[in-house]
Structure formats: C-alpha cells, structure tokens
Amino acid sequence: MIELEYLADDSVAVLTLTRPPANAFTPEGLVQLRWTVVKLNAEPKVRAVVITGSGAKFFSAGADLNTFSGGSADIARAAAAAFGAAFEELQNARPVVIAAINGYAMGGGLECALACDIRIADERAVLALPEPQVGLLPCGCGTQTLPWLVGEGWAKRIILTGEKIDAALASRIGLVEEVVAAGEARQAAIAMAERVTRLSPEAVEFSKVLIHQARNGVPRSSALAVERERFVDLFGAPNQLEGVNAFLEKRAPNWKLASGNVK
C-alpha cells in the first residue's frame, strides 16, 4: 500500500511504502506505485517527491517471495513487467524524486531507491540486491542502473557475491548521496525537497531530462546541442525573467507553474 501526503503548500509529496512487516512489494502494490507517480506527474504544483518506508527497520525488503513459490513463468513475467513499469515511471518522473532510506533496502527495495534521483540513507540502513541467493536476479532496472551509479566493479560485487552494503560504504561508493543520523532520513529528504521548490520549475525539469541523456547513451555532441537549445527555450517562459531580476533585486523569486499558479 502507498500512503500519499502533501507538504509545503502541496509542492512536496511524500510516498510511504506501507506493508508490514517489511514493506515488500506485490504486483498490485507496484501498479499502485506506478499510477501514483502518473498522478503526481499531472499535478504541476508538485515539484518534488519523497519516498520512504513505514516503521523504523525497513525501507522495503523487495518482492514478496510468496509470489514466486510456485515457479510459474507466467507469474514471473507479470511480476517483472510490474517492477519494470513502476520503476521506469519513477525514474522518468517530472518532479525530483528523493529516497529516504530509513532501514533495509533489499532487492526490489533497493531498485526502487535506485530509480529515484537522489538517495539519503539512515546510518542504520543496509542495501543489497540478494536475488541470486534465492535463484532470481534483479528485474526492476537494477542490473542497468546500479553500474551507472557505482561502476561495473561494485555492481558486480553487490549482485554477483550477495554483499550487503552499510550506509557508510554506500556513501563512499556513490550509492547514496548523504547519510544522516538514525531516524532522520525522512526529514532530511523533505528539507532537500523543499529546496527544489525554490528553483525554477522549467530549469529543474529541463536539467533532469538533460542529465538522463548521458545515462541513456545519447551521443555527447547531440546532448550538448540539446543542452544549448533548452537554455534558449527558458527565455520563452516568464520564469527566466523573474529569476534573473529577482536575483538582481535581492529578493526571492515568485515562480509561475504551468497552470499559471504562483509558487
């Protein structure tokens, strides 16, 4: 189950994975996650999203293995499609998505965090992709996203040897961007999300898409050309004038969203 709440004048959405005891994913839960992200994409006021787990021990333990106990290839195919669809939707979301890893992030739980733009980990967090230990493999984009973040060597070490990574090591290898004290991941992620809301909506959205071009293998010359085009595109929107003049006038900018509402 996904619990959704809105903070900071509805500009920050918090998604809490809630399925005790370990917040494991079911196919139905993955469908709910995907459509929640679709809903948030369609709400211009939502500028950033925080994803965390309920309780103090688990972000998410990944897939509910009861789903696979019968060895059905049809069930496996449906589950893999659900994981892929949910996490690709999350990875390509319009808002900035921040994972607040409040505990164990295992298997599909770690893949959910990998699909986010930024990861903040509780100092007690443990991260792993242990699927080969139970005769499976990561199927929620993990084999593709993890090497991009930490390099092939560490990705192989994590997946091919079943190594569990603590928060300090995760920070050192670039698997998470920040480690905070026990119990503080959610609030740290919300504070970061609120910083996003103080930036130009178009500038952030364009920049996120441009950064993903490198991940998606767009040739550098083509990506640089698009970068320059998007820079010029900003000048067709009122927020470019507002941002520059607010800086020159030493005041906070009043950003306009696509709907025309000021934030």
C-alpha atoms as a PDB file:
ATOM      1  CA  MET A   1       0.000   0.000   0.000  1.00  0.00           C
ATOM      2  CA  ILE A   2       1.207   3.513  -0.860  1.00  0.00           C
ATOM      3  CA  GLU A   3       0.307   6.274   1.591  1.00  0.00           C
ATOM      4  CA  LEU A   4       0.382   9.726  -0.016  1.00  0.00           C
ATOM      5  CA  GLU A   5       0.620  13.039   1.786  1.00  0.00           C
ATOM      6  CA  TYR A   6       1.312  16.585   0.609  1.00  0.00           C
ATOM      7  CA  LEU A   7       3.584  19.058   2.383  1.00  0.00           C
ATOM      8  CA  ALA A   8       4.995  22.562   1.813  1.00  0.00           C
ATOM      9  CA  ASP A   9       1.825  24.049   0.350  1.00  0.00           C
ATOM     10  CA  ASP A  10       1.309  20.854  -1.687  1.00  0.00           C
ATOM     11  CA  SER A  11       4.585  21.298  -3.579  1.00  0.00           C
ATOM     12  CA  VAL A  12       6.183  18.253  -1.903  1.00  0.00           C
ATOM     13  CA  ALA A  13       4.557  14.833  -1.984  1.00  0.00           C
ATOM     14  CA  VAL A  14       5.606  12.092   0.435  1.00  0.00           C
ATOM     15  CA  LEU A  15       5.013   8.463  -0.571  1.00  0.00           C
ATOM     16  CA  THR A  16       5.287   5.958   2.261  1.00  0.00           C
ATOM     17  CA  LEU A  17       5.622   2.255   1.444  1.00  0.00           C
ATOM     18  CA  THR A  18       3.325   0.607   3.968  1.00  0.00           C
ATOM     19  CA  ARG A  19       3.054  -3.164   4.054  1.00  0.00           C
ATOM     20  CA  PRO A  20       4.201  -4.562   7.411  1.00  0.00           C
ATOM     21  CA  PRO A  21       6.377  -6.151   8.465  1.00  0.00           C
ATOM     22  CA  ALA A  22       8.929  -5.420   5.697  1.00  0.00           C
ATOM     23  CA  ASN A  23       7.095  -3.211   3.147  1.00  0.00           C
ATOM     24  CA  ALA A  24       7.519  -5.897   0.481  1.00  0.00           C
ATOM     25  CA  PHE A  25       6.147  -5.226  -2.997  1.00  0.00           C
ATOM     26  CA  THR A  26       3.264  -7.134  -4.536  1.00  0.00           C
ATOM     27  CA  PRO A  27       2.227  -6.783  -8.199  1.00  0.00           C
ATOM     28  CA  GLU A  28      -0.799  -4.801  -7.024  1.00  0.00           C
ATOM     29  CA  GLY A  29       1.406  -2.500  -4.953  1.00  0.00           C
ATOM     30  CA  LEU A  30       3.667  -1.878  -7.928  1.00  0.00           C
ATOM     31  CA  VAL A  31       0.684  -0.929 -10.073  1.00  0.00           C
ATOM     32  CA  GLN A  32      -0.428   1.470  -7.338  1.00  0.00           C
ATOM     33  CA  LEU A  33       3.073   2.998  -7.197  1.00  0.00           C
ATOM     34  CA  ARG A  34       3.155   3.487 -10.942  1.00  0.00           C
ATOM     35  CA  TRP A  35      -0.241   5.183 -11.104  1.00  0.00           C
ATOM     36  CA  THR A  36       0.560   7.349  -8.094  1.00  0.00           C
ATOM     37  CA  VAL A  37       3.612   8.656  -9.969  1.00  0.00           C
ATOM     38  CA  VAL A  38       1.478   9.231 -13.080  1.00  0.00           C
ATOM     39  CA  LYS A  39      -0.951  11.233 -10.931  1.00  0.00           C
ATOM     40  CA  LEU A  40       1.837  13.346  -9.438  1.00  0.00           C
ATOM     41  CA  ASN A  41       3.306  14.000 -12.892  1.00  0.00           C
ATOM     42  CA  ALA A  42      -0.015  15.571 -13.855  1.00  0.00           C
ATOM     43  CA  GLU A  43      -0.048  17.927 -10.863  1.00  0.00           C
ATOM     44  CA  PRO A  44       2.130  20.950 -11.756  1.00  0.00           C
ATOM     45  CA  LYS A  45       2.197  22.158  -8.170  1.00  0.00           C
ATOM     46  CA  VAL A  46       4.106  19.038  -7.087  1.00  0.00           C
ATOM     47  CA  ARG A  47       7.767  19.889  -7.535  1.00  0.00           C
ATOM     48  CA  ALA A  48       9.438  17.102  -5.538  1.00  0.00           C
ATOM     49  CA  VAL A  49       8.569  13.659  -4.204  1.00  0.00           C
ATOM     50  CA  VAL A  50       9.995  11.851  -1.172  1.00  0.00           C
ATOM     51  CA  ILE A  51       9.729   8.052  -0.947  1.00  0.00           C
ATOM     52  CA  THR A  52      10.289   6.278   2.345  1.00  0.00           C
ATOM     53  CA  GLY A  53       9.202   3.169   4.222  1.00  0.00           C
ATOM     54  CA  SER A  54       6.898   2.859   7.198  1.00  0.00           C
ATOM     55  CA  GLY A  55       8.404   1.797  10.505  1.00  0.00           C
ATOM     56  CA  ALA A  56      11.973   2.050  11.715  1.00  0.00           C
ATOM     57  CA  LYS A  57      13.509  -1.079  10.192  1.00  0.00           C
ATOM     58  CA  PHE A  58      12.593  -1.377   6.510  1.00  0.00           C
ATOM     59  CA  PHE A  59      12.540   0.917   3.516  1.00  0.00           C
ATOM     60  CA  SER A  60      11.443  -2.158   1.566  1.00  0.00           C
ATOM     61  CA  ALA A  61      12.544  -5.783   1.538  1.00  0.00           C
ATOM     62  CA  GLY A  62      11.710  -6.032  -2.171  1.00  0.00           C
ATOM     63  CA  ALA A  63       9.427  -8.592  -3.749  1.00  0.00           C
ATOM     64  CA  ASP A  64       7.133 -10.782  -1.700  1.00  0.00           C
ATOM     65  CA  LEU A  65       8.725 -14.181  -2.437  1.00  0.00           C
ATOM     66  CA  ASN A  66       5.419 -15.940  -1.851  1.00  0.00           C
ATOM     67  CA  THR A  67       4.588 -14.694  -5.342  1.00  0.00           C
ATOM     68  CA  PHE A  68       7.272 -16.930  -6.859  1.00  0.00           C
ATOM     69  CA  SER A  69       6.992 -20.042  -4.697  1.00  0.00           C
ATOM     70  CA  GLY A  70       5.114 -21.984  -7.387  1.00  0.00           C
ATOM     71  CA  GLY A  71       7.751 -21.479 -10.068  1.00  0.00           C
ATOM     72  CA  SER A  72       5.273 -20.124 -12.643  1.00  0.00           C
ATOM     73  CA  ALA A  73       6.917 -18.398 -15.611  1.00  0.00           C
ATOM     74  CA  ASP A  74       3.667 -16.555 -16.345  1.00  0.00           C
ATOM     75  CA  ILE A  75       3.596 -15.110 -12.834  1.00  0.00           C
ATOM     76  CA  ALA A  76       7.280 -14.206 -13.144  1.00  0.00           C
ATOM     77  CA  ARG A  77       6.668 -12.444 -16.463  1.00  0.00           C
ATOM     78  CA  ALA A  78       3.821 -10.402 -14.981  1.00  0.00           C
ATOM     79  CA  ALA A  79       5.857  -9.517 -11.889  1.00  0.00           C
ATOM     80  CA  ALA A  80       8.879  -8.466 -13.947  1.00  0.00           C
ATOM     81  CA  ALA A  81       6.660  -6.261 -16.105  1.00  0.00           C
ATOM     82  CA  ALA A  82       5.146  -4.682 -12.997  1.00  0.00           C
ATOM     83  CA  PHE A  83       8.548  -3.950 -11.455  1.00  0.00           C
ATOM     84  CA  GLY A  84       9.879  -2.518 -14.709  1.00  0.00           C
ATOM     85  CA  ALA A  85       6.844  -0.351 -15.393  1.00  0.00           C
ATOM     86  CA  ALA A  86       6.717   1.068 -11.858  1.00  0.00           C
ATOM     87  CA  PHE A  87      10.405   1.855 -11.536  1.00  0.00           C
ATOM     88  CA  GLU A  88      10.795   3.225 -15.071  1.00  0.00           C
ATOM     89  CA  GLU A  89       7.841   5.534 -14.389  1.00  0.00           C
ATOM     90  CA  LEU A  90       9.526   6.597 -11.161  1.00  0.00           C
ATOM     91  CA  GLN A  91      12.896   7.125 -12.831  1.00  0.00           C
ATOM     92  CA  ASN A  92      11.359   9.302 -15.548  1.00  0.00           C
ATOM     93  CA  ALA A  93       9.050  11.281 -13.236  1.00  0.00           C
ATOM     94  CA  ARG A  94       8.795  15.006 -13.846  1.00  0.00           C
ATOM     95  CA  PRO A  95       9.314  16.001 -10.175  1.00  0.00           C
ATOM     96  CA  VAL A  96      12.635  15.486  -8.435  1.00  0.00           C
ATOM     97  CA  VAL A  97      12.361  12.183  -6.518  1.00  0.00           C
ATOM     98  CA  ILE A  98      14.321  11.639  -3.294  1.00  0.00           C
ATOM     99  CA  ALA A  99      14.550   8.290  -1.497  1.00  0.00           C
ATOM    100  CA  ALA A 100      14.661   8.466   2.299  1.00  0.00           C
ATOM    101  CA  ILE A 101      16.144   5.042   3.045  1.00  0.00           C
ATOM    102  CA  ASN A 102      15.065   4.520   6.625  1.00  0.00           C
ATOM    103  CA  GLY A 103      16.280   0.919   7.008  1.00  0.00           C
ATOM    104  CA  TYR A 104      16.834  -2.207   4.962  1.00  0.00           C
ATOM    105  CA  ALA A 105      16.548  -1.665   1.189  1.00  0.00           C
ATOM    106  CA  MET A 106      16.821  -5.137  -0.285  1.00  0.00           C
ATOM    107  CA  GLY A 107      16.226  -6.400  -3.814  1.00  0.00           C
ATOM    108  CA  GLY A 108      13.317  -4.517  -5.323  1.00  0.00           C
ATOM    109  CA  GLY A 109      13.505  -2.133  -2.370  1.00  0.00           C
ATOM    110  CA  LEU A 110      16.966  -1.031  -3.437  1.00  0.00           C
ATOM    111  CA  GLU A 111      15.848  -0.916  -7.074  1.00  0.00           C
ATOM    112  CA  CYS A 112      13.069   1.473  -6.011  1.00  0.00           C
ATOM    113  CA  ALA A 113      15.687   3.713  -4.393  1.00  0.00           C
ATOM    114  CA  LEU A 114      17.907   3.412  -7.482  1.00  0.00           C
ATOM    115  CA  ALA A 115      15.022   4.722  -9.589  1.00  0.00           C
ATOM    116  CA  CYS A 116      14.995   7.926  -7.534  1.00  0.00           C
ATOM    117  CA  ASP A 117      17.100  10.968  -8.417  1.00  0.00           C
ATOM    118  CA  ILE A 118      18.797  11.260  -5.007  1.00  0.00           C
ATOM    119  CA  ARG A 119      19.181   8.864  -2.076  1.00  0.00           C
ATOM    120  CA  ILE A 120      19.505   9.826   1.612  1.00  0.00           C
ATOM    121  CA  ALA A 121      20.228   6.934   3.986  1.00  0.00           C
ATOM    122  CA  ASP A 122      19.705   6.473   7.694  1.00  0.00           C
ATOM    123  CA  GLU A 123      23.030   5.473   9.271  1.00  0.00           C
ATOM    124  CA  ARG A 124      21.454   2.093  10.118  1.00  0.00           C
ATOM    125  CA  ALA A 125      20.440   1.363   6.524  1.00  0.00           C
ATOM    126  CA  VAL A 126      21.570  -1.819   4.775  1.00  0.00           C
ATOM    127  CA  LEU A 127      21.417  -2.094   0.988  1.00  0.00           C
ATOM    128  CA  ALA A 128      21.661  -5.194  -1.197  1.00  0.00           C
ATOM    129  CA  LEU A 129      20.482  -6.945  -4.349  1.00  0.00           C
ATOM    130  CA  PRO A 130      20.420 -10.503  -2.983  1.00  0.00           C
ATOM    131  CA  GLU A 131      18.186 -12.066  -5.647  1.00  0.00           C
ATOM    132  CA  PRO A 132      20.776 -14.678  -6.782  1.00  0.00           C
ATOM    133  CA  GLN A 133      20.699 -16.107  -3.238  1.00  0.00           C
ATOM    134  CA  VAL A 134      17.153 -17.311  -3.929  1.00  0.00           C
ATOM    135  CA  GLY A 135      17.654 -18.266  -7.569  1.00  0.00           C
ATOM    136  CA  LEU A 136      16.474 -14.974  -9.042  1.00  0.00           C
ATOM    137  CA  LEU A 137      18.028 -11.805 -10.462  1.00  0.00           C
ATOM    138  CA  PRO A 138      17.198  -8.075 -10.202  1.00  0.00           C
ATOM    139  CA  CYS A 139      14.469  -7.291 -12.738  1.00  0.00           C
ATOM    140  CA  GLY A 140      13.456  -3.752 -11.730  1.00  0.00           C
ATOM    141  CA  CYS A 141      16.222  -1.986 -13.683  1.00  0.00           C
ATOM    142  CA  GLY A 142      18.852  -2.886 -11.055  1.00  0.00           C
ATOM    143  CA  THR A 143      21.379  -4.552 -13.355  1.00  0.00           C
ATOM    144  CA  GLN A 144      21.334  -1.454 -15.558  1.00  0.00           C
ATOM    145  CA  THR A 145      21.053   1.412 -13.080  1.00  0.00           C
ATOM    146  CA  LEU A 146      23.445   0.188 -10.382  1.00  0.00           C
ATOM    147  CA  PRO A 147      26.548   0.053 -12.655  1.00  0.00           C
ATOM    148  CA  TRP A 148      25.788   3.589 -13.838  1.00  0.00           C
ATOM    149  CA  LEU A 149      25.872   4.857 -10.271  1.00  0.00           C
ATOM    150  CA  VAL A 150      28.712   2.861  -8.695  1.00  0.00           C
ATOM    151  CA  GLY A 151      30.667   1.414 -11.627  1.00  0.00           C
ATOM    152  CA  GLU A 152      30.755  -2.098 -13.013  1.00  0.00           C
ATOM    153  CA  GLY A 153      33.104  -3.482 -10.380  1.00  0.00           C
ATOM    154  CA  TRP A 154      30.980  -2.528  -7.395  1.00  0.00           C
ATOM    155  CA  ALA A 155      27.781  -3.522  -9.210  1.00  0.00           C
ATOM    156  CA  LYS A 156      29.234  -6.982  -9.812  1.00  0.00           C
ATOM    157  CA  ARG A 157      30.417  -7.212  -6.227  1.00  0.00           C
ATOM    158  CA  ILE A 158      26.964  -6.338  -4.897  1.00  0.00           C
ATOM    159  CA  ILE A 159      24.961  -8.549  -7.281  1.00  0.00           C
ATOM    160  CA  LEU A 160      27.322 -11.436  -8.017  1.00  0.00           C
ATOM    161  CA  THR A 161      28.599 -12.004  -4.472  1.00  0.00           C
ATOM    162  CA  GLY A 162      25.497 -11.055  -2.488  1.00  0.00           C
ATOM    163  CA  GLU A 163      27.359  -8.450  -0.430  1.00  0.00           C
ATOM    164  CA  LYS A 164      25.278  -6.248   1.860  1.00  0.00           C
ATOM    165  CA  ILE A 165      26.358  -2.610   1.931  1.00  0.00           C
ATOM    166  CA  ASP A 166      26.036  -0.451   5.037  1.00  0.00           C
ATOM    167  CA  ALA A 167      25.257   3.257   4.839  1.00  0.00           C
ATOM    168  CA  ALA A 168      28.855   4.435   5.257  1.00  0.00           C
ATOM    169  CA  LEU A 169      30.135   2.244   2.429  1.00  0.00           C
ATOM    170  CA  ALA A 170      27.137   3.136   0.271  1.00  0.00           C
ATOM    171  CA  SER A 171      28.097   6.791   0.626  1.00  0.00           C
ATOM    172  CA  ARG A 172      31.737   6.113  -0.192  1.00  0.00           C
ATOM    173  CA  ILE A 173      30.954   4.299  -3.455  1.00  0.00           C
ATOM    174  CA  GLY A 174      28.255   6.749  -4.569  1.00  0.00           C
ATOM    175  CA  LEU A 175      25.268   4.507  -3.955  1.00  0.00           C
ATOM    176  CA  VAL A 176      23.735   7.161  -1.696  1.00  0.00           C
ATOM    177  CA  GLU A 177      24.357  10.902  -1.675  1.00  0.00           C
ATOM    178  CA  GLU A 178      24.009  11.520   2.059  1.00  0.00           C
ATOM    179  CA  VAL A 179      23.973   9.606   5.353  1.00  0.00           C
ATOM    180  CA  VAL A 180      22.093  11.036   8.330  1.00  0.00           C
ATOM    181  CA  ALA A 181      21.579  10.082  11.958  1.00  0.00           C
ATOM    182  CA  ALA A 182      19.178   7.337  12.917  1.00  0.00           C
ATOM    183  CA  GLY A 183      15.565   8.312  12.358  1.00  0.00           C
ATOM    184  CA  GLU A 184      16.361  11.474  10.391  1.00  0.00           C
ATOM    185  CA  ALA A 185      16.233  10.292   6.754  1.00  0.00           C
ATOM    186  CA  ARG A 186      12.631  11.319   6.144  1.00  0.00           C
ATOM    187  CA  GLN A 187      13.046  14.842   7.475  1.00  0.00           C
ATOM    188  CA  ALA A 188      16.363  15.321   5.671  1.00  0.00           C
ATOM    189  CA  ALA A 189      14.735  14.261   2.403  1.00  0.00           C
ATOM    190  CA  ILE A 190      11.806  16.620   2.967  1.00  0.00           C
ATOM    191  CA  ALA A 191      14.201  19.503   3.653  1.00  0.00           C
ATOM    192  CA  MET A 192      16.020  18.738   0.406  1.00  0.00           C
ATOM    193  CA  ALA A 193      12.710  18.500  -1.466  1.00  0.00           C
ATOM    194  CA  GLU A 194      11.741  21.933  -0.164  1.00  0.00           C
ATOM    195  CA  ARG A 195      14.984  23.330  -1.601  1.00  0.00           C
ATOM    196  CA  VAL A 196      13.874  22.052  -5.011  1.00  0.00           C
ATOM    197  CA  THR A 197      10.698  24.122  -4.753  1.00  0.00           C
ATOM    198  CA  ARG A 198      12.758  27.302  -4.515  1.00  0.00           C
ATOM    199  CA  LEU A 199      14.216  26.752  -8.001  1.00  0.00           C
ATOM    200  CA  SER A 200      12.753  27.498 -11.427  1.00  0.00           C
ATOM    201  CA  PRO A 201      10.301  24.720 -12.431  1.00  0.00           C
ATOM    202  CA  GLU A 202      11.374  24.737 -16.081  1.00  0.00           C
ATOM    203  CA  ALA A 203      15.084  24.888 -15.288  1.00  0.00           C
ATOM    204  CA  VAL A 204      14.843  21.876 -12.974  1.00  0.00           C
ATOM    205  CA  GLU A 205      12.674  19.859 -15.345  1.00  0.00           C
ATOM    206  CA  PHE A 206      14.892  20.560 -18.360  1.00  0.00           C
ATOM    207  CA  SER A 207      18.043  19.826 -16.378  1.00  0.00           C
ATOM    208  CA  LYS A 208      16.773  16.459 -15.149  1.00  0.00           C
ATOM    209  CA  VAL A 209      15.985  15.343 -18.691  1.00  0.00           C
ATOM    210  CA  LEU A 210      19.386  16.532 -19.896  1.00  0.00           C
ATOM    211  CA  ILE A 211      21.216  14.624 -17.145  1.00  0.00           C
ATOM    212  CA  HIS A 212      19.342  11.459 -18.129  1.00  0.00           C
ATOM    213  CA  GLN A 213      20.586  11.803 -21.700  1.00  0.00           C
ATOM    214  CA  ALA A 214      24.058  10.766 -20.525  1.00  0.00           C
ATOM    215  CA  ARG A 215      22.624   7.695 -18.780  1.00  0.00           C
ATOM    216  CA  ASN A 216      20.584   6.761 -21.839  1.00  0.00           C
ATOM    217  CA  GLY A 217      23.560   6.745 -24.176  1.00  0.00           C
ATOM    218  CA  VAL A 218      22.774   9.878 -26.194  1.00  0.00           C
ATOM    219  CA  PRO A 219      25.981  10.876 -28.043  1.00  0.00           C
ATOM    220  CA  ARG A 220      27.776  13.736 -26.306  1.00  0.00           C
ATOM    221  CA  SER A 221      27.639  16.063 -29.326  1.00  0.00           C
ATOM    222  CA  SER A 222      23.878  15.564 -29.634  1.00  0.00           C
ATOM    223  CA  ALA A 223      23.304  16.009 -25.910  1.00  0.00           C
ATOM    224  CA  LEU A 224      25.317  19.232 -25.857  1.00  0.00           C
ATOM    225  CA  ALA A 225      23.275  20.582 -28.760  1.00  0.00           C
ATOM    226  CA  VAL A 226      20.047  19.851 -26.877  1.00  0.00           C
ATOM    227  CA  GLU A 227      21.526  21.464 -23.751  1.00  0.00           C
ATOM    228  CA  ARG A 228      22.054  24.713 -25.651  1.00  0.00           C
ATOM    229  CA  GLU A 229      18.559  24.533 -27.158  1.00  0.00           C
ATOM    230  CA  ARG A 230      16.951  24.103 -23.737  1.00  0.00           C
ATOM    231  CA  PHE A 231      18.941  27.050 -22.377  1.00  0.00           C
ATOM    232  CA  VAL A 232      17.415  29.235 -25.109  1.00  0.00           C
ATOM    233  CA  ASP A 233      13.960  27.690 -24.533  1.00  0.00           C
ATOM    234  CA  LEU A 234      13.993  29.051 -20.976  1.00  0.00           C
ATOM    235  CA  PHE A 235      13.862  32.562 -22.422  1.00  0.00           C
ATOM    236  CA  GLY A 236      10.383  31.902 -23.790  1.00  0.00           C
ATOM    237  CA  ALA A 237       8.957  31.487 -20.302  1.00  0.00           C
ATOM    238  CA  PRO A 238       8.301  34.193 -17.685  1.00  0.00           C
ATOM    239  CA  ASN A 239      10.354  32.413 -15.030  1.00  0.00           C
ATOM    240  CA  GLN A 240      13.636  33.250 -16.737  1.00  0.00           C
ATOM    241  CA  LEU A 241      12.980  36.978 -16.433  1.00  0.00           C
ATOM    242  CA  GLU A 242      11.658  36.530 -12.909  1.00  0.00           C
ATOM    243  CA  GLY A 243      14.691  34.538 -11.770  1.00  0.00           C
ATOM    244  CA  VAL A 244      17.305  36.908 -13.124  1.00  0.00           C
ATOM    245  CA  ASN A 245      15.522  40.059 -11.952  1.00  0.00           C
ATOM    246  CA  ALA A 246      14.781  38.632  -8.515  1.00  0.00           C
ATOM    247  CA  PHE A 247      18.492  37.960  -8.091  1.00  0.00           C
ATOM    248  CA  LEU A 248      19.424  41.467  -9.224  1.00  0.00           C
ATOM    249  CA  GLU A 249      16.793  42.970  -6.923  1.00  0.00           C
ATOM    250  CA  LYS A 250      17.925  40.780  -3.994  1.00  0.00           C
ATOM    251  CA  ARG A 251      14.530  39.184  -3.386  1.00  0.00           C
ATOM    252  CA  ALA A 252      13.042  35.700  -3.533  1.00  0.00           C
ATOM    253  CA  PRO A 253      11.617  34.804  -6.964  1.00  0.00           C
ATOM    254  CA  ASN A 254       7.898  34.202  -7.455  1.00  0.00           C
ATOM    255  CA  TRP A 255       7.849  31.222  -9.807  1.00  0.00           C
ATOM    256  CA  LYS A 256       4.861  30.590 -12.066  1.00  0.00           C
ATOM    257  CA  LEU A 257       3.832  26.976 -12.636  1.00  0.00           C
ATOM    258  CA  ALA A 258       2.495  25.629 -15.918  1.00  0.00           C
ATOM    259  CA  SER A 259      -1.041  26.142 -14.616  1.00  0.00           C
ATOM    260  CA  GLY A 260      -0.356  29.829 -14.045  1.00  0.00           C
ATOM    261  CA  ASN A 261      -0.371  29.493 -10.267  1.00  0.00           C
ATOM    262  CA  VAL A 262       2.403  31.319  -8.479  1.00  0.00           C
ATOM    263  CA  LYS A 263       4.743  29.360  -6.195  1.00  0.00           C
END
